[in-house]
Amino acid sequence: MADSQNESNDATQFVTVDIYDQTYRLRGQDSAYIHQLADVVDTKMRAVAAQGKSVDSLRVAVLAALNIADELISLEQRYNALIGAEKENVRSRASKLSGMLDAILTEDRKIG
């Protein structure tokens, strides 16, 4: 993975990366992040290629993309499950606190 050049008038820059023995010139604002993404894709493609018999880079790229998509969807499902559980926890606590507040206000009305 190679150099970055600043583009003329904004923070966008060109970044040259190597993915699966191919060089790509990409544009973005964070060259380190673009390099990180390229490394993930390159690693995934090499892992897919090592497991299969195909030397067709398009096929390897599609299988790598499917693996990455599977990882993304699995993480989203885990995240949503955690968020769902947390929402239920918050609802339960809010309901208990509301009941306690109602009890206190009812006591205050009886006293006052």
PDB file of N, CA and C in Angstrom:
ATOM      1  N   MET A   1       0.849  -1.166   0.000  1.00  0.00           N
ATOM      2  CA  MET A   1       0.000   0.000   0.000  1.00  0.00           C
ATOM      3  C   MET A   1       0.889   1.221   0.000  1.00  0.00           C
ATOM      4  N   ALA A   2       0.469   2.229  -0.756  1.00  0.00           N
ATOM      5  CA  ALA A   2       1.430   3.283  -1.054  1.00  0.00           C
ATOM      6  C   ALA A   2       0.993   4.640  -0.560  1.00  0.00           C
ATOM      7  N   ASP A   3       1.353   5.669  -1.340  1.00  0.00           N
ATOM      8  CA  ASP A   3       1.287   7.055  -0.917  1.00  0.00           C
ATOM      9  C   ASP A   3      -0.090   7.675  -1.033  1.00  0.00           C
ATOM     10  N   SER A   4      -0.205   8.851  -0.415  1.00  0.00           N
ATOM     11  CA  SER A   4      -1.402   9.673  -0.500  1.00  0.00           C
ATOM     12  C   SER A   4      -0.994  11.020  -1.057  1.00  0.00           C
ATOM     13  N   GLN A   5      -1.864  11.602  -1.900  1.00  0.00           N
ATOM     14  CA  GLN A   5      -1.628  12.951  -2.410  1.00  0.00           C
ATOM     15  C   GLN A   5      -2.825  13.795  -2.034  1.00  0.00           C
ATOM     16  N   ASN A   6      -2.578  15.033  -1.634  1.00  0.00           N
ATOM     17  CA  ASN A   6      -3.681  15.922  -1.319  1.00  0.00           C
ATOM     18  C   ASN A   6      -4.309  16.424  -2.598  1.00  0.00           C
ATOM     19  N   GLU A   7      -5.628  16.457  -2.650  1.00  0.00           N
ATOM     20  CA  GLU A   7      -6.337  17.034  -3.777  1.00  0.00           C
ATOM     21  C   GLU A   7      -6.437  18.529  -3.531  1.00  0.00           C
ATOM     22  N   SER A   8      -6.635  19.297  -4.569  1.00  0.00           N
ATOM     23  CA  SER A   8      -6.480  20.753  -4.509  1.00  0.00           C
ATOM     24  C   SER A   8      -7.289  21.470  -3.445  1.00  0.00           C
ATOM     25  N   ASN A   9      -8.604  21.421  -3.433  1.00  0.00           N
ATOM     26  CA  ASN A   9      -9.359  22.380  -2.627  1.00  0.00           C
ATOM     27  C   ASN A   9     -10.102  21.816  -1.419  1.00  0.00           C
ATOM     28  N   ASP A  10     -10.053  20.529  -1.153  1.00  0.00           N
ATOM     29  CA  ASP A  10     -10.764  20.038   0.025  1.00  0.00           C
ATOM     30  C   ASP A  10      -9.955  18.958   0.725  1.00  0.00           C
ATOM     31  N   ALA A  11     -10.533  18.343   1.742  1.00  0.00           N
ATOM     32  CA  ALA A  11      -9.814  17.369   2.553  1.00  0.00           C
ATOM     33  C   ALA A  11      -9.745  15.999   1.887  1.00  0.00           C
ATOM     34  N   THR A  12     -10.409  15.824   0.766  1.00  0.00           N
ATOM     35  CA  THR A  12     -10.364  14.550   0.072  1.00  0.00           C
ATOM     36  C   THR A  12      -8.983  14.350  -0.536  1.00  0.00           C
ATOM     37  N   GLN A  13      -8.487  13.139  -0.413  1.00  0.00           N
ATOM     38  CA  GLN A  13      -7.170  12.829  -0.957  1.00  0.00           C
ATOM     39  C   GLN A  13      -7.232  11.519  -1.723  1.00  0.00           C
ATOM     40  N   PHE A  14      -6.289  11.314  -2.582  1.00  0.00           N
ATOM     41  CA  PHE A  14      -6.170  10.049  -3.291  1.00  0.00           C
ATOM     42  C   PHE A  14      -5.275   9.140  -2.470  1.00  0.00           C
ATOM     43  N   VAL A  15      -5.683   7.887  -2.354  1.00  0.00           N
ATOM     44  CA  VAL A  15      -4.924   6.895  -1.602  1.00  0.00           C
ATOM     45  C   VAL A  15      -4.750   5.682  -2.508  1.00  0.00           C
ATOM     46  N   THR A  16      -3.549   5.201  -2.621  1.00  0.00           N
ATOM     47  CA  THR A  16      -3.272   4.025  -3.426  1.00  0.00           C
ATOM     48  C   THR A  16      -3.154   2.822  -2.500  1.00  0.00           C
ATOM     49  N   VAL A  17      -3.928   1.782  -2.790  1.00  0.00           N
ATOM     50  CA  VAL A  17      -3.925   0.571  -1.971  1.00  0.00           C
ATOM     51  C   VAL A  17      -3.770  -0.646  -2.879  1.00  0.00           C
ATOM     52  N   ASP A  18      -3.287  -1.727  -2.316  1.00  0.00           N
ATOM     53  CA  ASP A  18      -3.191  -3.005  -3.018  1.00  0.00           C
ATOM     54  C   ASP A  18      -4.151  -3.977  -2.362  1.00  0.00           C
ATOM     55  N   ILE A  19      -5.017  -4.546  -3.191  1.00  0.00           N
ATOM     56  CA  ILE A  19      -5.960  -5.556  -2.718  1.00  0.00           C
ATOM     57  C   ILE A  19      -5.844  -6.758  -3.646  1.00  0.00           C
ATOM     58  N   TYR A  20      -5.461  -7.869  -3.080  1.00  0.00           N
ATOM     59  CA  TYR A  20      -5.354  -9.128  -3.824  1.00  0.00           C
ATOM     60  C   TYR A  20      -4.513  -8.957  -5.085  1.00  0.00           C
ATOM     61  N   ASP A  21      -3.362  -8.354  -4.902  1.00  0.00           N
ATOM     62  CA  ASP A  21      -2.363  -8.128  -5.957  1.00  0.00           C
ATOM     63  C   ASP A  21      -2.828  -7.186  -7.065  1.00  0.00           C
ATOM     64  N   GLN A  22      -3.819  -6.364  -6.762  1.00  0.00           N
ATOM     65  CA  GLN A  22      -4.274  -5.334  -7.697  1.00  0.00           C
ATOM     66  C   GLN A  22      -4.140  -3.986  -7.006  1.00  0.00           C
ATOM     67  N   THR A  23      -3.745  -2.981  -7.760  1.00  0.00           N
ATOM     68  CA  THR A  23      -3.584  -1.637  -7.207  1.00  0.00           C
ATOM     69  C   THR A  23      -4.816  -0.802  -7.538  1.00  0.00           C
ATOM     70  N   TYR A  24      -5.306  -0.108  -6.522  1.00  0.00           N
ATOM     71  CA  TYR A  24      -6.487   0.752  -6.680  1.00  0.00           C
ATOM     72  C   TYR A  24      -6.151   2.141  -6.165  1.00  0.00           C
ATOM     73  N   ARG A  25      -6.606   3.133  -6.876  1.00  0.00           N
ATOM     74  CA  ARG A  25      -6.441   4.522  -6.443  1.00  0.00           C
ATOM     75  C   ARG A  25      -7.821   5.011  -5.987  1.00  0.00           C
ATOM     76  N   LEU A  26      -7.949   5.220  -4.714  1.00  0.00           N
ATOM     77  CA  LEU A  26      -9.233   5.573  -4.106  1.00  0.00           C
ATOM     78  C   LEU A  26      -9.195   6.995  -3.576  1.00  0.00           C
ATOM     79  N   ARG A  27     -10.374   7.569  -3.410  1.00  0.00           N
ATOM     80  CA  ARG A  27     -10.470   8.902  -2.823  1.00  0.00           C
ATOM     81  C   ARG A  27     -11.173   8.816  -1.488  1.00  0.00           C
ATOM     82  N   GLY A  28     -10.684   9.609  -0.544  1.00  0.00           N
ATOM     83  CA  GLY A  28     -11.310   9.650   0.762  1.00  0.00           C
ATOM     84  C   GLY A  28     -10.654  10.701   1.630  1.00  0.00           C
ATOM     85  N   GLN A  29     -11.187  10.856   2.832  1.00  0.00           N
ATOM     86  CA  GLN A  29     -10.681  11.877   3.742  1.00  0.00           C
ATOM     87  C   GLN A  29      -9.714  11.319   4.774  1.00  0.00           C
ATOM     88  N   ASP A  30      -9.730  10.027   4.998  1.00  0.00           N
ATOM     89  CA  ASP A  30      -8.893   9.427   6.036  1.00  0.00           C
ATOM     90  C   ASP A  30      -8.089   8.281   5.423  1.00  0.00           C
ATOM     91  N   SER A  31      -6.867   8.568   5.035  1.00  0.00           N
ATOM     92  CA  SER A  31      -6.067   7.560   4.336  1.00  0.00           C
ATOM     93  C   SER A  31      -5.798   6.333   5.217  1.00  0.00           C
ATOM     94  N   ALA A  32      -5.600   6.534   6.502  1.00  0.00           N
ATOM     95  CA  ALA A  32      -5.349   5.401   7.397  1.00  0.00           C
ATOM     96  C   ALA A  32      -6.561   4.465   7.425  1.00  0.00           C
ATOM     97  N   TYR A  33      -7.754   5.049   7.453  1.00  0.00           N
ATOM     98  CA  TYR A  33      -8.978   4.240   7.468  1.00  0.00           C
ATOM     99  C   TYR A  33      -9.146   3.494   6.144  1.00  0.00           C
ATOM    100  N   ILE A  34      -8.851   4.160   5.034  1.00  0.00           N
ATOM    101  CA  ILE A  34      -8.945   3.517   3.720  1.00  0.00           C
ATOM    102  C   ILE A  34      -7.960   2.348   3.642  1.00  0.00           C
ATOM    103  N   HIS A  35      -6.756   2.536   4.150  1.00  0.00           N
ATOM    104  CA  HIS A  35      -5.776   1.452   4.193  1.00  0.00           C
ATOM    105  C   HIS A  35      -6.282   0.300   5.065  1.00  0.00           C
ATOM    106  N   GLN A  36      -6.910   0.639   6.181  1.00  0.00           N
ATOM    107  CA  GLN A  36      -7.456  -0.386   7.073  1.00  0.00           C
ATOM    108  C   GLN A  36      -8.542  -1.192   6.364  1.00  0.00           C
ATOM    109  N   LEU A  37      -9.438  -0.513   5.662  1.00  0.00           N
ATOM    110  CA  LEU A  37     -10.488  -1.205   4.910  1.00  0.00           C
ATOM    111  C   LEU A  37      -9.892  -2.110   3.838  1.00  0.00           C
ATOM    112  N   ALA A  38      -8.909  -1.586   3.109  1.00  0.00           N
ATOM    113  CA  ALA A  38      -8.263  -2.373   2.060  1.00  0.00           C
ATOM    114  C   ALA A  38      -7.590  -3.609   2.650  1.00  0.00           C
ATOM    115  N   ASP A  39      -6.972  -3.466   3.811  1.00  0.00           N
ATOM    116  CA  ASP A  39      -6.340  -4.610   4.474  1.00  0.00           C
ATOM    117  C   ASP A  39      -7.369  -5.678   4.841  1.00  0.00           C
ATOM    118  N   VAL A  40      -8.521  -5.248   5.322  1.00  0.00           N
ATOM    119  CA  VAL A  40      -9.584  -6.199   5.671  1.00  0.00           C
ATOM    120  C   VAL A  40     -10.033  -6.961   4.429  1.00  0.00           C
ATOM    121  N   VAL A  41     -10.280  -6.248   3.342  1.00  0.00           N
ATOM    122  CA  VAL A  41     -10.729  -6.886   2.106  1.00  0.00           C
ATOM    123  C   VAL A  41      -9.643  -7.822   1.568  1.00  0.00           C
ATOM    124  N   ASP A  42      -8.398  -7.367   1.557  1.00  0.00           N
ATOM    125  CA  ASP A  42      -7.298  -8.191   1.068  1.00  0.00           C
ATOM    126  C   ASP A  42      -7.165  -9.469   1.898  1.00  0.00           C
ATOM    127  N   THR A  43      -7.216  -9.331   3.197  1.00  0.00           N
ATOM    128  CA  THR A  43      -7.106 -10.492   4.090  1.00  0.00           C
ATOM    129  C   THR A  43      -8.243 -11.471   3.854  1.00  0.00           C
ATOM    130  N   LYS A  44      -9.453 -10.946   3.728  1.00  0.00           N
ATOM    131  CA  LYS A  44     -10.611 -11.811   3.509  1.00  0.00           C
ATOM    132  C   LYS A  44     -10.502 -12.528   2.165  1.00  0.00           C
ATOM    133  N   MET A  45     -10.086 -11.810   1.116  1.00  0.00           N
ATOM    134  CA  MET A  45      -9.944 -12.431  -0.195  1.00  0.00           C
ATOM    135  C   MET A  45      -8.884 -13.528  -0.168  1.00  0.00           C
ATOM    136  N   ARG A  46      -7.789 -13.290   0.510  1.00  0.00           N
ATOM    137  CA  ARG A  46      -6.729 -14.301   0.585  1.00  0.00           C
ATOM    138  C   ARG A  46      -7.189 -15.518   1.387  1.00  0.00           C
ATOM    139  N   ALA A  47      -7.978 -15.303   2.419  1.00  0.00           N
ATOM    140  CA  ALA A  47      -8.510 -16.425   3.197  1.00  0.00           C
ATOM    141  C   ALA A  47      -9.477 -17.257   2.350  1.00  0.00           C
ATOM    142  N   VAL A  48     -10.335 -16.593   1.597  1.00  0.00           N
ATOM    143  CA  VAL A  48     -11.268 -17.297   0.714  1.00  0.00           C
ATOM    144  C   VAL A  48     -10.494 -18.081  -0.346  1.00  0.00           C
ATOM    145  N   ALA A  49      -9.498 -17.446  -0.954  1.00  0.00           N
ATOM    146  CA  ALA A  49      -8.716 -18.104  -1.999  1.00  0.00           C
ATOM    147  C   ALA A  49      -7.966 -19.323  -1.451  1.00  0.00           C
ATOM    148  N   ALA A  50      -7.493 -19.234  -0.212  1.00  0.00           N
ATOM    149  CA  ALA A  50      -6.748 -20.338   0.393  1.00  0.00           C
ATOM    150  C   ALA A  50      -7.646 -21.546   0.650  1.00  0.00           C
ATOM    151  N   GLN A  51      -8.947 -21.303   0.854  1.00  0.00           N
ATOM    152  CA  GLN A  51      -9.874 -22.395   1.146  1.00  0.00           C
ATOM    153  C   GLN A  51     -10.449 -23.030  -0.111  1.00  0.00           C
ATOM    154  N   GLY A  52     -10.421 -22.313  -1.220  1.00  0.00           N
ATOM    155  CA  GLY A  52     -11.052 -22.816  -2.432  1.00  0.00           C
ATOM    156  C   GLY A  52     -10.061 -23.209  -3.487  1.00  0.00           C
ATOM    157  N   LYS A  53     -10.610 -23.691  -4.593  1.00  0.00           N
ATOM    158  CA  LYS A  53      -9.786 -24.109  -5.714  1.00  0.00           C
ATOM    159  C   LYS A  53      -9.798 -23.072  -6.824  1.00  0.00           C
ATOM    160  N   SER A  54     -10.609 -22.044  -6.669  1.00  0.00           N
ATOM    161  CA  SER A  54     -10.776 -21.054  -7.720  1.00  0.00           C
ATOM    162  C   SER A  54      -9.608 -20.069  -7.741  1.00  0.00           C
ATOM    163  N   VAL A  55      -9.157 -19.747  -8.936  1.00  0.00           N
ATOM    164  CA  VAL A  55      -8.143 -18.714  -9.098  1.00  0.00           C
ATOM    165  C   VAL A  55      -8.758 -17.469  -9.736  1.00  0.00           C
ATOM    166  N   ASP A  56     -10.049 -17.530 -10.014  1.00  0.00           N
ATOM    167  CA  ASP A  56     -10.762 -16.398 -10.612  1.00  0.00           C
ATOM    168  C   ASP A  56     -10.942 -15.311  -9.551  1.00  0.00           C
ATOM    169  N   SER A  57     -10.289 -14.169  -9.766  1.00  0.00           N
ATOM    170  CA  SER A  57     -10.313 -13.123  -8.744  1.00  0.00           C
ATOM    171  C   SER A  57     -11.716 -12.544  -8.541  1.00  0.00           C
ATOM    172  N   LEU A  58     -12.541 -12.512  -9.581  1.00  0.00           N
ATOM    173  CA  LEU A  58     -13.913 -12.024  -9.412  1.00  0.00           C
ATOM    174  C   LEU A  58     -14.695 -12.952  -8.488  1.00  0.00           C
ATOM    175  N   ARG A  59     -14.548 -14.241  -8.693  1.00  0.00           N
ATOM    176  CA  ARG A  59     -15.234 -15.209  -7.827  1.00  0.00           C
ATOM    177  C   ARG A  59     -14.735 -15.082  -6.383  1.00  0.00           C
ATOM    178  N   VAL A  60     -13.437 -14.937  -6.214  1.00  0.00           N
ATOM    179  CA  VAL A  60     -12.857 -14.761  -4.876  1.00  0.00           C
ATOM    180  C   VAL A  60     -13.405 -13.491  -4.238  1.00  0.00           C
ATOM    181  N   ALA A  61     -13.507 -12.408  -5.017  1.00  0.00           N
ATOM    182  CA  ALA A  61     -14.023 -11.135  -4.496  1.00  0.00           C
ATOM    183  C   ALA A  61     -15.482 -11.272  -4.061  1.00  0.00           C
ATOM    184  N   VAL A  62     -16.290 -11.961  -4.858  1.00  0.00           N
ATOM    185  CA  VAL A  62     -17.706 -12.134  -4.503  1.00  0.00           C
ATOM    186  C   VAL A  62     -17.828 -12.973  -3.243  1.00  0.00           C
ATOM    187  N   LEU A  63     -17.072 -14.054  -3.156  1.00  0.00           N
ATOM    188  CA  LEU A  63     -17.134 -14.887  -1.951  1.00  0.00           C
ATOM    189  C   LEU A  63     -16.636 -14.131  -0.723  1.00  0.00           C
ATOM    190  N   ALA A  64     -15.603 -13.312  -0.889  1.00  0.00           N
ATOM    191  CA  ALA A  64     -15.119 -12.492   0.222  1.00  0.00           C
ATOM    192  C   ALA A  64     -16.181 -11.481   0.636  1.00  0.00           C
ATOM    193  N   ALA A  65     -16.838 -10.864  -0.355  1.00  0.00           N
ATOM    194  CA  ALA A  65     -17.908  -9.902  -0.050  1.00  0.00           C
ATOM    195  C   ALA A  65     -19.050 -10.578   0.696  1.00  0.00           C
ATOM    196  N   LEU A  66     -19.400 -11.797   0.309  1.00  0.00           N
ATOM    197  CA  LEU A  66     -20.448 -12.531   1.022  1.00  0.00           C
ATOM    198  C   LEU A  66     -20.037 -12.828   2.454  1.00  0.00           C
ATOM    199  N   ASN A  67     -18.773 -13.182   2.671  1.00  0.00           N
ATOM    200  CA  ASN A  67     -18.273 -13.417   4.030  1.00  0.00           C
ATOM    201  C   ASN A  67     -18.334 -12.145   4.864  1.00  0.00           C
ATOM    202  N   ILE A  68     -17.913 -11.028   4.281  1.00  0.00           N
ATOM    203  CA  ILE A  68     -17.944  -9.745   4.996  1.00  0.00           C
ATOM    204  C   ILE A  68     -19.390  -9.346   5.300  1.00  0.00           C
ATOM    205  N   ALA A  69     -20.293  -9.543   4.332  1.00  0.00           N
ATOM    206  CA  ALA A  69     -21.713  -9.225   4.548  1.00  0.00           C
ATOM    207  C   ALA A  69     -22.294 -10.096   5.657  1.00  0.00           C
ATOM    208  N   ASP A  70     -21.918 -11.374   5.688  1.00  0.00           N
ATOM    209  CA  ASP A  70     -22.382 -12.277   6.744  1.00  0.00           C
ATOM    210  C   ASP A  70     -21.912 -11.792   8.111  1.00  0.00           C
ATOM    211  N   GLU A  71     -20.654 -11.389   8.199  1.00  0.00           N
ATOM    212  CA  GLU A  71     -20.130 -10.859   9.462  1.00  0.00           C
ATOM    213  C   GLU A  71     -20.878  -9.599   9.877  1.00  0.00           C
ATOM    214  N   LEU A  72     -21.141  -8.719   8.924  1.00  0.00           N
ATOM    215  CA  LEU A  72     -21.861  -7.475   9.216  1.00  0.00           C
ATOM    216  C   LEU A  72     -23.265  -7.759   9.728  1.00  0.00           C
ATOM    217  N   ILE A  73     -23.991  -8.628   9.041  1.00  0.00           N
ATOM    218  CA  ILE A  73     -25.368  -8.928   9.449  1.00  0.00           C
ATOM    219  C   ILE A  73     -25.388  -9.607  10.808  1.00  0.00           C
ATOM    220  N   SER A  74     -24.441 -10.511  11.051  1.00  0.00           N
ATOM    221  CA  SER A  74     -24.367 -11.164  12.372  1.00  0.00           C
ATOM    222  C   SER A  74     -24.127 -10.144  13.476  1.00  0.00           C
ATOM    223  N   LEU A  75     -23.215  -9.202  13.238  1.00  0.00           N
ATOM    224  CA  LEU A  75     -22.955  -8.155  14.229  1.00  0.00           C
ATOM    225  C   LEU A  75     -24.177  -7.259  14.430  1.00  0.00           C
ATOM    226  N   GLU A  76     -24.864  -6.921  13.343  1.00  0.00           N
ATOM    227  CA  GLU A  76     -26.072  -6.097  13.467  1.00  0.00           C
ATOM    228  C   GLU A  76     -27.131  -6.818  14.290  1.00  0.00           C
ATOM    229  N   GLN A  77     -27.306  -8.124  14.057  1.00  0.00           N
ATOM    230  CA  GLN A  77     -28.296  -8.888  14.814  1.00  0.00           C
ATOM    231  C   GLN A  77     -27.931  -8.945  16.291  1.00  0.00           C
ATOM    232  N   ARG A  78     -26.648  -9.160  16.585  1.00  0.00           N
ATOM    233  CA  ARG A  78     -26.217  -9.169  17.988  1.00  0.00           C
ATOM    234  C   ARG A  78     -26.417  -7.806  18.631  1.00  0.00           C
ATOM    235  N   TYR A  79     -26.080  -6.747  17.897  1.00  0.00           N
ATOM    236  CA  TYR A  79     -26.260  -5.381  18.403  1.00  0.00           C
ATOM    237  C   TYR A  79     -27.737  -5.103  18.673  1.00  0.00           C
ATOM    238  N   ASN A  80     -28.595  -5.441  17.719  1.00  0.00           N
ATOM    239  CA  ASN A  80     -30.027  -5.194  17.892  1.00  0.00           C
ATOM    240  C   ASN A  80     -30.606  -6.001  19.043  1.00  0.00           C
ATOM    241  N   ALA A  81     -30.107  -7.222  19.246  1.00  0.00           N
ATOM    242  CA  ALA A  81     -30.569  -8.030  20.380  1.00  0.00           C
ATOM    243  C   ALA A  81     -30.160  -7.377  21.692  1.00  0.00           C
ATOM    244  N   LEU A  82     -28.928  -6.861  21.756  1.00  0.00           N
ATOM    245  CA  LEU A  82     -28.477  -6.183  22.972  1.00  0.00           C
ATOM    246  C   LEU A  82     -29.292  -4.918  23.216  1.00  0.00           C
ATOM    247  N   ILE A  83     -29.527  -4.166  22.148  1.00  0.00           N
ATOM    248  CA  ILE A  83     -30.303  -2.933  22.274  1.00  0.00           C
ATOM    249  C   ILE A  83     -31.727  -3.267  22.714  1.00  0.00           C
ATOM    250  N   GLY A  84     -32.296  -4.320  22.131  1.00  0.00           N
ATOM    251  CA  GLY A  84     -33.649  -4.732  22.520  1.00  0.00           C
ATOM    252  C   GLY A  84     -33.724  -5.104  23.986  1.00  0.00           C
ATOM    253  N   ALA A  85     -32.744  -5.860  24.465  1.00  0.00           N
ATOM    254  CA  ALA A  85     -32.705  -6.256  25.871  1.00  0.00           C
ATOM    255  C   ALA A  85     -32.520  -5.037  26.761  1.00  0.00           C
ATOM    256  N   GLU A  86     -31.658  -4.102  26.334  1.00  0.00           N
ATOM    257  CA  GLU A  86     -31.424  -2.888  27.116  1.00  0.00           C
ATOM    258  C   GLU A  86     -32.687  -2.031  27.165  1.00  0.00           C
ATOM    259  N   LYS A  87     -33.403  -1.930  26.045  1.00  0.00           N
ATOM    260  CA  LYS A  87     -34.649  -1.158  26.022  1.00  0.00           C
ATOM    261  C   LYS A  87     -35.653  -1.755  26.998  1.00  0.00           C
ATOM    262  N   GLU A  88     -35.741  -3.088  27.016  1.00  0.00           N
ATOM    263  CA  GLU A  88     -36.672  -3.751  27.933  1.00  0.00           C
ATOM    264  C   GLU A  88     -36.268  -3.497  29.377  1.00  0.00           C
ATOM    265  N   ASN A  89     -34.984  -3.504  29.657  1.00  0.00           N
ATOM    266  CA  ASN A  89     -34.479  -3.217  30.990  1.00  0.00           C
ATOM    267  C   ASN A  89     -34.841  -1.791  31.397  1.00  0.00           C
ATOM    268  N   VAL A  90     -34.662  -0.844  30.492  1.00  0.00           N
ATOM    269  CA  VAL A  90     -34.991   0.557  30.781  1.00  0.00           C
ATOM    270  C   VAL A  90     -36.492   0.709  31.012  1.00  0.00           C
ATOM    271  N   ARG A  91     -37.307   0.065  30.176  1.00  0.00           N
ATOM    272  CA  ARG A  91     -38.770   0.129  30.356  1.00  0.00           C
ATOM    273  C   ARG A  91     -39.181  -0.419  31.719  1.00  0.00           C
ATOM    274  N   SER A  92     -38.591  -1.541  32.096  1.00  0.00           N
ATOM    275  CA  SER A  92     -38.911  -2.170  33.376  1.00  0.00           C
ATOM    276  C   SER A  92     -38.533  -1.257  34.543  1.00  0.00           C
ATOM    277  N   ARG A  93     -37.339  -0.692  34.467  1.00  0.00           N
ATOM    278  CA  ARG A  93     -36.889   0.208  35.537  1.00  0.00           C
ATOM    279  C   ARG A  93     -37.746   1.470  35.584  1.00  0.00           C
ATOM    280  N   ALA A  94     -38.108   2.002  34.414  1.00  0.00           N
ATOM    281  CA  ALA A  94     -38.946   3.201  34.366  1.00  0.00           C
ATOM    282  C   ALA A  94     -40.313   2.918  34.965  1.00  0.00           C
ATOM    283  N   SER A  95     -40.846   1.743  34.685  1.00  0.00           N
ATOM    284  CA  SER A  95     -42.149   1.370  35.239  1.00  0.00           C
ATOM    285  C   SER A  95     -42.083   1.261  36.766  1.00  0.00           C
ATOM    286  N   LYS A  96     -41.022   0.635  37.281  1.00  0.00           N
ATOM    287  CA  LYS A  96     -40.861   0.523  38.737  1.00  0.00           C
ATOM    288  C   LYS A  96     -40.721   1.902  39.382  1.00  0.00           C
ATOM    289  N   LEU A  97     -39.891   2.770  38.766  1.00  0.00           N
ATOM    290  CA  LEU A  97     -39.700   4.114  39.309  1.00  0.00           C
ATOM    291  C   LEU A  97     -40.997   4.922  39.258  1.00  0.00           C
ATOM    292  N   SER A  98     -41.753   4.736  38.189  1.00  0.00           N
ATOM    293  CA  SER A  98     -43.028   5.437  38.080  1.00  0.00           C
ATOM    294  C   SER A  98     -43.986   4.993  39.183  1.00  0.00           C
ATOM    295  N   GLY A  99     -43.997   3.691  39.458  1.00  0.00           N
ATOM    296  CA  GLY A  99     -44.835   3.170  40.542  1.00  0.00           C
ATOM    297  C   GLY A  99     -44.409   3.715  41.893  1.00  0.00           C
ATOM    298  N   MET A 100     -43.106   3.785  42.118  1.00  0.00           N
ATOM    299  CA  MET A 100     -42.601   4.332  43.372  1.00  0.00           C
ATOM    300  C   MET A 100     -42.963   5.810  43.500  1.00  0.00           C
ATOM    301  N   LEU A 101     -42.828   6.558  42.408  1.00  0.00           N
ATOM    302  CA  LEU A 101     -43.167   7.980  42.423  1.00  0.00           C
ATOM    303  C   LEU A 101     -44.658   8.176  42.706  1.00  0.00           C
ATOM    304  N   ASP A 102     -45.491   7.361  42.058  1.00  0.00           N
ATOM    305  CA  ASP A 102     -46.934   7.435  42.323  1.00  0.00           C
ATOM    306  C   ASP A 102     -47.242   7.165  43.787  1.00  0.00           C
ATOM    307  N   ALA A 103     -46.578   6.186  44.363  1.00  0.00           N
ATOM    308  CA  ALA A 103     -46.806   5.853  45.775  1.00  0.00           C
ATOM    309  C   ALA A 103     -46.396   7.014  46.674  1.00  0.00           C
ATOM    310  N   ILE A 104     -45.262   7.637  46.379  1.00  0.00           N
ATOM    311  CA  ILE A 104     -44.797   8.772  47.181  1.00  0.00           C
ATOM    312  C   ILE A 104     -45.751   9.951  47.051  1.00  0.00           C
ATOM    313  N   LEU A 105     -46.190  10.247  45.832  1.00  0.00           N
ATOM    314  CA  LEU A 105     -47.117  11.365  45.621  1.00  0.00           C
ATOM    315  C   LEU A 105     -48.454  11.107  46.296  1.00  0.00           C
ATOM    316  N   THR A 106     -48.901   9.849  46.280  1.00  0.00           N
ATOM    317  CA  THR A 106     -50.151   9.510  46.956  1.00  0.00           C
ATOM    318  C   THR A 106     -50.003   9.707  48.461  1.00  0.00           C
ATOM    319  N   GLU A 107     -48.866   9.306  49.047  1.00  0.00           N
ATOM    320  CA  GLU A 107     -48.584   9.496  50.468  1.00  0.00           C
ATOM    321  C   GLU A 107     -48.579  10.985  50.811  1.00  0.00           C
ATOM    322  N   ASP A 108     -47.919  11.810  49.948  1.00  0.00           N
ATOM    323  CA  ASP A 108     -47.843  13.241  50.194  1.00  0.00           C
ATOM    324  C   ASP A 108     -49.237  13.864  50.195  1.00  0.00           C
ATOM    325  N   ARG A 109     -50.105  13.398  49.302  1.00  0.00           N
ATOM    326  CA  ARG A 109     -51.459  13.947  49.229  1.00  0.00           C
ATOM    327  C   ARG A 109     -52.261  13.592  50.482  1.00  0.00           C
ATOM    328  N   LYS A 110     -52.029  12.382  50.993  1.00  0.00           N
ATOM    329  CA  LYS A 110     -52.737  11.971  52.207  1.00  0.00           C
ATOM    330  C   LYS A 110     -52.270  12.793  53.401  1.00  0.00           C
ATOM    331  N   ILE A 111     -50.973  13.077  53.454  1.00  0.00           N
ATOM    332  CA  ILE A 111     -50.400  13.824  54.564  1.00  0.00           C
ATOM    333  C   ILE A 111     -50.790  15.293  54.477  1.00  0.00           C
ATOM    334  N   GLY A 112     -50.728  15.839  53.242  1.00  0.00           N
ATOM    335  CA  GLY A 112     -50.932  17.264  53.062  1.00  0.00           C
ATOM    336  C   GLY A 112     -52.342  17.609  52.975  1.00  0.00           C
TER     337      GLY A 112
END
